Amino acid sequence: MLGCIRKYLHDSHWEEVLLLLIAEQKPKKVAKAMREILRRGSEYEEWLHRDLLFAGSCLAEEPKVYGVLMVIWCKRFWRSWLS
């Protein structure tokens, strides 16, 4: 799964596939996928926030991950929105 995320994260043809793939995983694997996405550091992430927005889409589809990852996502989202 992580290999698919690394290879196709911002490929528009794969967005729904990745969302479904992540949503069907057990909570530990979802957490691992979320960490991979949030650590990605994609090109122009500082301005476009594509990694952050995709991670938010994953949480909206199947919010199996709460706690620390949810807090990290929320902090990054608000920080990006306020800047």
C-alpha atoms as a PDB file:
ATOM      1  CA  MET A   1       0.000   0.000   0.000  1.00  0.00           C
ATOM      2  CA  LEU A   2       2.762   2.475   0.888  1.00  0.00           C
ATOM      3  CA  GLY A   3       4.393   1.848  -2.478  1.00  0.00           C
ATOM      4  CA  CYS A   4       1.172   2.848  -4.247  1.00  0.00           C
ATOM      5  CA  ILE A   5       0.928   5.987  -2.139  1.00  0.00           C
ATOM      6  CA  ARG A   6       4.512   6.958  -2.931  1.00  0.00           C
ATOM      7  CA  LYS A   7       4.043   6.326  -6.645  1.00  0.00           C
ATOM      8  CA  TYR A   8       0.553   7.728  -7.270  1.00  0.00           C
ATOM      9  CA  LEU A   9      -0.193  10.214  -4.481  1.00  0.00           C
ATOM     10  CA  HIS A  10      -0.924  13.229  -6.664  1.00  0.00           C
ATOM     11  CA  ASP A  11      -1.934  11.439  -9.846  1.00  0.00           C
ATOM     12  CA  SER A  12      -5.544  12.540 -10.413  1.00  0.00           C
ATOM     13  CA  HIS A  13      -6.427   9.203 -12.041  1.00  0.00           C
ATOM     14  CA  TRP A  14      -5.457   7.369  -8.856  1.00  0.00           C
ATOM     15  CA  GLU A  15      -7.016   9.642  -6.226  1.00  0.00           C
ATOM     16  CA  GLU A  16     -10.216   7.612  -5.729  1.00  0.00           C
ATOM     17  CA  VAL A  17      -8.296   4.331  -5.880  1.00  0.00           C
ATOM     18  CA  LEU A  18      -5.965   5.464  -3.111  1.00  0.00           C
ATOM     19  CA  LEU A  19      -8.859   6.740  -1.003  1.00  0.00           C
ATOM     20  CA  LEU A  20     -10.612   3.373  -1.308  1.00  0.00           C
ATOM     21  CA  LEU A  21      -7.415   1.456  -0.642  1.00  0.00           C
ATOM     22  CA  ILE A  22      -6.702   3.403   2.529  1.00  0.00           C
ATOM     23  CA  ALA A  23     -10.332   3.267   3.710  1.00  0.00           C
ATOM     24  CA  GLU A  24     -10.341  -0.540   3.524  1.00  0.00           C
ATOM     25  CA  GLN A  25      -7.280  -0.975   5.761  1.00  0.00           C
ATOM     26  CA  LYS A  26      -7.178  -1.748   9.452  1.00  0.00           C
ATOM     27  CA  PRO A  27      -6.576   1.243  11.764  1.00  0.00           C
ATOM     28  CA  LYS A  28      -2.830   0.604  12.203  1.00  0.00           C
ATOM     29  CA  LYS A  29      -2.277   0.535   8.451  1.00  0.00           C
ATOM     30  CA  VAL A  30      -4.425   3.647   8.012  1.00  0.00           C
ATOM     31  CA  ALA A  31      -2.246   5.417  10.573  1.00  0.00           C
ATOM     32  CA  LYS A  32       0.870   4.307   8.707  1.00  0.00           C
ATOM     33  CA  ALA A  33      -0.557   5.575   5.426  1.00  0.00           C
ATOM     34  CA  MET A  34      -1.495   8.913   6.985  1.00  0.00           C
ATOM     35  CA  ARG A  35       2.014   9.333   8.381  1.00  0.00           C
ATOM     36  CA  GLU A  36       3.461   8.580   4.941  1.00  0.00           C
ATOM     37  CA  ILE A  37       1.209  11.171   3.315  1.00  0.00           C
ATOM     38  CA  LEU A  38       1.850  13.861   5.928  1.00  0.00           C
ATOM     39  CA  ARG A  39       5.638  13.300   5.798  1.00  0.00           C
ATOM     40  CA  ARG A  40       5.722  13.245   2.021  1.00  0.00           C
ATOM     41  CA  GLY A  41       6.865  16.828   1.518  1.00  0.00           C
ATOM     42  CA  SER A  42       5.662  16.981  -2.069  1.00  0.00           C
ATOM     43  CA  GLU A  43       6.882  19.655  -4.428  1.00  0.00           C
ATOM     44  CA  TYR A  44       5.281  23.047  -3.665  1.00  0.00           C
ATOM     45  CA  GLU A  45       3.614  21.646  -0.525  1.00  0.00           C
ATOM     46  CA  GLU A  46       4.284  24.944   1.216  1.00  0.00           C
ATOM     47  CA  TRP A  47       1.885  26.692  -1.169  1.00  0.00           C
ATOM     48  CA  LEU A  48      -0.456  23.996  -2.515  1.00  0.00           C
ATOM     49  CA  HIS A  49      -0.890  21.811   0.599  1.00  0.00           C
ATOM     50  CA  ARG A  50      -1.747  18.800  -1.571  1.00  0.00           C
ATOM     51  CA  ASP A  51      -0.421  16.287   0.967  1.00  0.00           C
ATOM     52  CA  LEU A  52      -2.402  17.909   3.737  1.00  0.00           C
ATOM     53  CA  LEU A  53      -5.605  18.082   1.700  1.00  0.00           C
ATOM     54  CA  PHE A  54      -5.323  14.473   0.570  1.00  0.00           C
ATOM     55  CA  ALA A  55      -4.789  13.356   4.163  1.00  0.00           C
ATOM     56  CA  GLY A  56      -7.935  15.299   5.064  1.00  0.00           C
ATOM     57  CA  SER A  57      -9.825  13.514   2.300  1.00  0.00           C
ATOM     58  CA  CYS A  58      -8.709  10.191   3.755  1.00  0.00           C
ATOM     59  CA  LEU A  59      -9.981  11.205   7.186  1.00  0.00           C
ATOM     60  CA  ALA A  60     -13.302  12.288   5.674  1.00  0.00           C
ATOM     61  CA  GLU A  61     -13.749   8.975   3.853  1.00  0.00           C
ATOM     62  CA  GLU A  62     -13.058   6.718   6.803  1.00  0.00           C
ATOM     63  CA  PRO A  63     -11.988   8.434  10.009  1.00  0.00           C
ATOM     64  CA  LYS A  64     -10.470   5.344  11.650  1.00  0.00           C
ATOM     65  CA  VAL A  65      -7.522   7.347  12.885  1.00  0.00           C
ATOM     66  CA  TYR A  66      -8.065   9.648  15.810  1.00  0.00           C
ATOM     67  CA  GLY A  67      -5.785  10.904  18.503  1.00  0.00           C
ATOM     68  CA  VAL A  68      -2.343  12.137  17.657  1.00  0.00           C
ATOM     69  CA  LEU A  69      -2.640  11.961  13.857  1.00  0.00           C
ATOM     70  CA  MET A  70      -5.929  13.836  13.892  1.00  0.00           C
ATOM     71  CA  VAL A  71      -4.390  16.534  16.089  1.00  0.00           C
ATOM     72  CA  ILE A  72      -1.348  16.784  13.804  1.00  0.00           C
ATOM     73  CA  TRP A  73      -3.567  17.104  10.752  1.00  0.00           C
ATOM     74  CA  CYS A  74      -5.753  19.770  12.375  1.00  0.00           C
ATOM     75  CA  LYS A  75      -2.741  21.813  13.503  1.00  0.00           C
ATOM     76  CA  ARG A  76      -1.183  21.710  10.041  1.00  0.00           C
ATOM     77  CA  PHE A  77      -4.479  22.606   8.415  1.00  0.00           C
ATOM     78  CA  TRP A  78      -5.078  25.637  10.617  1.00  0.00           C
ATOM     79  CA  ARG A  79      -1.464  26.744  10.335  1.00  0.00           C
ATOM     80  CA  SER A  80      -1.648  26.595   6.524  1.00  0.00           C
ATOM     81  CA  TRP A  81      -5.012  28.352   6.440  1.00  0.00           C
ATOM     82  CA  LEU A  82      -3.874  31.188   8.687  1.00  0.00           C
ATOM     83  CA  SER A  83      -0.631  31.814   6.842  1.00  0.00           C
END
